[in-house]
């Protein structure tokens, strides 16, 4: 059963439940129906919030499994976990950032750039996405783009370890250039 159909079913059930206490109210002003729909809406919204929290928790679990697989060198498996995290929570900038990192590690830089762009569209200040995409910029010879990401990290997350790591990478990258 599609999720929306399930919520619609809950809505109708909640409306029936909440219309019962108002059955003795005269309906000359349409009050009975309005109050029933109002209470049914509160129930559906509460269920929707619960479902969203469950999706977010499941997404976090998938991210953890992906990170463990990536740290063990199982990049293809990690990509699968990150993709599942995105399916569970498409609004997770972290899920897109971690998938992009795995894609980059697998040599799929074009896909990595696309996923970093998605992560930064969701959250323009996501430290992981800024850091890893900054490293990819350096890898591609786009030092200015990496510097802009470092500037954003400095403004939004001055104490983040990603800021210090990207600054060090830029410093190291610049030191390797001929005068």
Foldseek 3Di string as FASTA:
>chain_A
DDPVVVLVVQLVVQLVVQLVVVPPPDCPVPVSNVRSNVRSVVVSVVVVVVLLVVLQVQLVVLQVVLVVCVVVVNLVSSLVSLVSSCVSPVLALVSLLSNLLSCVVVVNNVSSVVSLVSSCVSPVLPLSSLLSVLVVCVVVVNLVSNVVSLVSCCVPPVPDPSNVVSVVVSVVSVVPDDD
